[in-house]
C-alpha atoms as a PDB file:
ATOM      1  CA  MET A   1      32.866-134.564  82.927  1.00  0.00           C
ATOM      2  CA  LYS A   2      32.666-134.807  79.119  1.00  0.00           C
ATOM      3  CA  GLU A   3      28.248-135.004  79.695  1.00  0.00           C
ATOM      4  CA  GLY A   4      28.277-131.689  82.250  1.00  0.00           C
ATOM      5  CA  ILE A   5      30.228-129.676  79.349  1.00  0.00           C
ATOM      6  CA  GLU A   6      27.953-131.512  76.488  1.00  0.00           C
ATOM      7  CA  HIS A   7      24.438-129.819  79.054  1.00  0.00           C
ATOM      8  CA  ALA A   8      26.736-126.657  79.402  1.00  0.00           C
ATOM      9  CA  ILE A   9      27.115-125.635  75.123  1.00  0.00           C
ATOM     10  CA  VAL A  10      23.651-127.286  74.848  1.00  0.00           C
ATOM     11  CA  LYS A  11      22.116-125.108  77.112  1.00  0.00           C
ATOM     12  CA  GLN A  12      24.182-121.587  75.588  1.00  0.00           C
ATOM     13  CA  LEU A  13      22.947-123.147  72.171  1.00  0.00           C
ATOM     14  CA  SER A  14      20.068-122.125  73.323  1.00  0.00           C
ATOM     15  CA  LYS A  15      19.676-118.978  75.023  1.00  0.00           C
ATOM     16  CA  THR A  16      21.736-117.715  71.474  1.00  0.00           C
ATOM     17  CA  HIS A  17      18.546-119.586  69.815  1.00  0.00           C
ATOM     18  CA  ASP A  18      16.865-117.606  72.330  1.00  0.00           C
ATOM     19  CA  VAL A  19      18.049-114.550  71.453  1.00  0.00           C
ATOM     20  CA  LEU A  20      19.097-114.522  68.194  1.00  0.00           C
ATOM     21  CA  LYS A  21      15.059-115.673  67.478  1.00  0.00           C
ATOM     22  CA  LYS A  22      13.613-112.829  69.743  1.00  0.00           C
ATOM     23  CA  ALA A  23      16.140-110.312  67.451  1.00  0.00           C
ATOM     24  CA  ARG A  24      15.131-111.678  63.698  1.00  0.00           C
ATOM     25  CA  GLY A  25      11.568-111.004  64.916  1.00  0.00           C
ATOM     26  CA  ASN A  26      12.833-107.621  67.296  1.00  0.00           C
ATOM     27  CA  LEU A  27      13.843-106.584  63.086  1.00  0.00           C
ATOM     28  CA  GLU A  28      10.805-108.096  60.945  1.00  0.00           C
ATOM     29  CA  ALA A  29       8.851-105.335  63.507  1.00  0.00           C
ATOM     30  CA  LYS A  30      11.103-102.660  62.846  1.00  0.00           C
ATOM     31  CA  VAL A  31      10.485-103.169  58.888  1.00  0.00           C
ATOM     32  CA  ASN A  32       6.515-103.350  59.025  1.00  0.00           C
ATOM     33  CA  GLU A  33       6.612-100.398  60.835  1.00  0.00           C
ATOM     34  CA  PRO A  34       4.832 -97.484  58.944  1.00  0.00           C
ATOM     35  CA  VAL A  35       8.112 -94.968  57.889  1.00  0.00           C
ATOM     36  CA  ARG A  36       7.500 -91.494  59.831  1.00  0.00           C
ATOM     37  CA  PRO A  37       8.731 -88.758  58.125  1.00  0.00           C
ATOM     38  CA  GLN A  38      11.791 -87.018  60.236  1.00  0.00           C
ATOM     39  CA  HIS A  39      11.715 -83.347  61.779  1.00  0.00           C
ATOM     40  CA  ARG A  40      14.514 -81.636  60.625  1.00  0.00           C
ATOM     41  CA  ILE A  41      15.957 -78.439  62.265  1.00  0.00           C
ATOM     42  CA  ARG A  42      16.390 -75.919  59.762  1.00  0.00           C
ATOM     43  CA  ARG A  43      19.983 -73.387  60.544  1.00  0.00           C
ATOM     44  CA  THR A  44      19.582 -70.036  59.179  1.00  0.00           C
END
């Protein structure tokens, strides 16, 4: 039983690690994108 619990924990940690790596990659890609000017609607 102990091995099963350890396996489940390792499996979840592996998934979490993969998700965090992907999130970091997404954030780094976002930081490296050119800044686009935002269009503002003027109220008159």
